[in-house]
Amino acid sequence: MVLRNKKREMCLVKKSLILVSLLAALVLIGGVQLAPCSAASKTEIVFWNLFGGGEGDFVDKIVKDFNDFQSDVDVKALRLTSNEYYAKFGVALASGKGPDVAICHIDHLAPFVKANQLTALEPVASKVGFKFSEVADNLAKQATFNSKQYAVPIDTHFHMLYYNKAIL
């Protein structure tokens, strides 16, 4: 997802285009060892996430491999604990100084959209050939507000209720 900030809108469109390409590339290259490229003038993308443990280590490796593989974009990943993530994320968005791209659980997305702190992703996604129609409808709909897509679902969580039929 991309932050709404009039002064940075064009820059963010470019960054978003690059990040969507990055995400697609990361899915494709998974654990492949990549050759380093020379450093040059880079576009910087700030990426916040709350992945912990092995999942966080894997995301860090993906970002490092991507940064080592090419010289046009430098992804700066900031990993926060889940206890502090949404408090800092909300303050950052409200101040207009949030990340370029961030992870956001679907149940936290609506308030940020309603506060006009996020930008819909369709324009960026269409530029790189990403089709939301290829995402499971039930997942894509959860990140859709006023017919606009604000997030790319990367996983889903299974909520269950267990009960004892003999007691009910």
Protein backbone atom coordinates (compact mmCIF):
# COMPACT_ATOMS: atom_id res chain seq x y z
CA MET A 1 0.00 0.00 0.00
CA VAL A 2 1.14 3.54 -0.67
CA LEU A 3 0.67 6.65 1.44
CA ARG A 4 -1.33 9.65 0.21
CA ASN A 5 0.82 12.77 0.13
CA LYS A 6 0.25 15.29 -2.67
CA LYS A 7 3.87 16.46 -2.82
CA ARG A 8 5.20 12.93 -3.15
CA GLU A 9 2.43 11.44 -5.30
CA MET A 10 4.47 11.13 -8.51
CA CYS A 11 7.50 9.81 -6.69
CA LEU A 12 5.34 7.29 -4.86
CA VAL A 13 3.76 6.11 -8.09
CA LYS A 14 7.25 5.30 -9.37
CA LYS A 15 8.19 3.65 -6.08
CA SER A 16 4.94 1.69 -6.02
CA LEU A 17 5.49 0.49 -9.56
CA ILE A 18 8.94 -0.68 -8.58
CA LEU A 19 7.69 -2.34 -5.40
CA VAL A 20 4.89 -4.22 -7.14
CA SER A 21 7.54 -5.43 -9.58
CA LEU A 22 9.75 -6.27 -6.61
CA LEU A 23 7.03 -8.31 -4.96
CA ALA A 24 6.36 -10.22 -8.16
CA ALA A 25 10.08 -10.83 -8.62
CA LEU A 26 10.49 -11.91 -5.01
CA VAL A 27 7.77 -14.50 -5.39
CA LEU A 28 9.50 -15.85 -8.48
CA ILE A 29 13.06 -15.88 -7.16
CA GLY A 30 12.28 -17.11 -3.63
CA GLY A 31 15.50 -18.68 -2.40
CA VAL A 32 17.72 -18.22 -5.45
CA GLN A 33 21.24 -16.92 -4.83
CA LEU A 34 21.68 -13.67 -6.72
CA ALA A 35 24.82 -11.97 -8.00
CA PRO A 36 25.59 -8.51 -6.61
CA CYS A 37 25.40 -5.45 -8.85
CA SER A 38 27.35 -2.23 -8.59
CA ALA A 39 25.92 0.61 -6.54
CA ALA A 40 24.57 3.66 -8.37
CA SER A 41 22.03 6.37 -7.80
CA LYS A 42 19.09 4.51 -6.30
CA THR A 43 15.42 5.03 -5.68
CA GLU A 44 14.74 4.32 -2.02
CA ILE A 45 11.63 2.49 -0.87
CA VAL A 46 10.90 2.37 2.84
CA PHE A 47 9.10 -0.87 3.73
CA TRP A 48 7.65 -1.47 7.20
CA ASN A 49 6.67 -4.91 8.40
CA LEU A 50 5.92 -6.82 11.56
CA PHE A 51 7.12 -10.24 10.54
CA GLY A 52 8.92 -12.03 13.35
CA GLY A 53 10.95 -15.19 13.79
CA GLY A 54 11.78 -17.25 10.74
CA GLU A 55 9.21 -15.42 8.64
CA GLY A 56 10.89 -12.09 9.43
CA ASP A 57 14.32 -13.53 8.71
CA PHE A 58 13.08 -14.77 5.34
CA VAL A 59 11.63 -11.35 4.45
CA ASP A 60 14.94 -9.72 5.46
CA LYS A 61 16.78 -12.17 3.18
CA ILE A 62 14.44 -11.44 0.28
CA VAL A 63 14.99 -7.70 0.69
CA LYS A 64 18.77 -8.16 0.97
CA ASP A 65 18.89 -10.42 -2.11
CA PHE A 66 16.79 -7.94 -4.08
CA ASN A 67 19.02 -5.02 -3.07
CA ASP A 68 22.15 -7.02 -3.97
CA PHE A 69 20.71 -8.16 -7.31
CA GLN A 70 20.11 -4.75 -8.84
CA SER A 71 21.34 -1.18 -8.46
CA ASP A 72 18.29 0.97 -9.26
CA VAL A 73 16.24 0.51 -6.08
CA ASP A 74 17.23 0.30 -2.45
CA VAL A 75 14.56 -1.20 -0.20
CA LYS A 76 14.98 -0.12 3.42
CA ALA A 77 13.08 -2.58 5.59
CA LEU A 78 12.04 -1.73 9.11
CA ARG A 79 10.80 -4.64 11.17
CA LEU A 80 8.82 -3.72 14.28
CA THR A 81 7.24 -5.98 16.87
CA SER A 82 3.51 -6.48 16.53
CA ASN A 83 2.98 -4.76 19.90
CA GLU A 84 4.44 -1.47 18.64
CA TYR A 85 3.75 -1.70 14.91
CA TYR A 86 0.22 -0.34 14.56
CA ALA A 87 0.72 2.46 17.09
CA LYS A 88 3.78 3.72 15.19
CA PHE A 89 2.18 3.07 11.81
CA GLY A 90 -0.93 5.08 12.72
CA VAL A 91 1.10 8.01 14.02
CA ALA A 92 3.36 7.93 10.95
CA LEU A 93 0.40 7.93 8.56
CA ALA A 94 -1.36 10.71 10.45
CA SER A 95 1.78 12.86 10.29
CA GLY A 96 2.32 12.14 6.58
CA LYS A 97 5.71 10.58 7.31
CA GLY A 98 4.89 6.91 7.04
CA PRO A 99 6.59 4.26 4.93
CA ASP A 100 6.25 4.00 1.17
CA VAL A 101 5.03 0.42 1.52
CA ALA A 102 3.78 -1.42 4.58
CA ILE A 103 2.23 -4.63 5.75
CA CYS A 104 -1.24 -4.12 7.19
CA HIS A 105 -3.54 -6.83 8.48
CA ILE A 106 -6.90 -6.63 6.80
CA ASP A 107 -8.71 -5.91 10.07
CA HIS A 108 -6.59 -2.76 10.52
CA LEU A 109 -6.95 -1.45 6.95
CA ALA A 110 -10.37 0.28 6.99
CA PRO A 111 -9.54 3.11 9.43
CA PHE A 112 -6.51 4.12 7.36
CA VAL A 113 -8.58 4.11 4.16
CA LYS A 114 -11.40 6.09 5.80
CA ALA A 115 -8.85 8.66 7.05
CA ASN A 116 -7.65 9.04 3.43
CA GLN A 117 -4.14 7.99 4.42
CA LEU A 118 -3.73 5.34 1.72
CA THR A 119 -3.86 5.37 -2.06
CA ALA A 120 -5.67 2.78 -4.17
CA LEU A 121 -3.35 0.37 -5.96
CA GLU A 122 -5.09 -0.24 -9.30
CA PRO A 123 -3.18 2.42 -11.28
CA VAL A 124 0.17 1.04 -10.16
CA ALA A 125 -0.84 -2.60 -10.49
CA SER A 126 -2.10 -2.11 -14.04
CA LYS A 127 1.23 -0.56 -15.08
CA VAL A 128 3.09 -3.75 -14.15
CA GLY A 129 0.44 -6.18 -15.32
CA PHE A 130 -0.70 -7.25 -11.85
CA LYS A 131 -4.34 -8.33 -11.99
CA PHE A 132 -6.43 -8.26 -8.83
CA SER A 133 -8.80 -10.61 -10.67
CA GLU A 134 -6.16 -13.31 -10.13
CA VAL A 135 -6.46 -12.93 -6.35
CA ALA A 136 -9.13 -15.06 -4.66
CA ASP A 137 -12.34 -13.00 -4.65
CA ASN A 138 -12.96 -13.40 -0.93
CA LEU A 139 -9.47 -12.05 -0.16
CA ALA A 140 -9.47 -9.23 -2.70
CA LYS A 141 -12.89 -8.02 -1.51
CA GLN A 142 -11.58 -7.64 2.05
CA ALA A 143 -9.10 -5.02 0.83
CA THR A 144 -11.62 -3.22 -1.41
CA PHE A 145 -13.31 -0.01 -0.30
CA ASN A 146 -15.61 2.08 -2.53
CA SER A 147 -14.72 -0.26 -5.41
CA LYS A 148 -10.99 0.49 -5.03
CA GLN A 149 -8.29 -1.99 -4.07
CA TYR A 150 -6.03 -0.79 -1.23
CA ALA A 151 -3.94 -3.87 -0.49
CA VAL A 152 -2.55 -7.03 -2.01
CA PRO A 153 -3.40 -10.00 0.21
CA ILE A 154 -0.24 -11.99 0.87
CA ASP A 155 -1.70 -14.49 3.31
CA THR A 156 -4.89 -15.31 5.12
CA HIS A 157 -5.75 -16.25 8.65
CA PHE A 158 -8.15 -18.96 9.65
CA HIS A 159 -10.46 -17.98 12.50
CA MET A 160 -12.24 -20.83 14.23
CA LEU A 161 -14.54 -21.31 17.17
CA TYR A 162 -14.37 -24.56 19.09
CA TYR A 163 -17.19 -25.57 21.37
CA ASN A 164 -18.44 -28.60 23.24
CA LYS A 165 -21.76 -29.72 21.71
CA ALA A 166 -22.65 -31.56 24.90
CA ILE A 167 -22.63 -28.29 26.87
CA LEU A 168 -24.61 -26.25 24.34
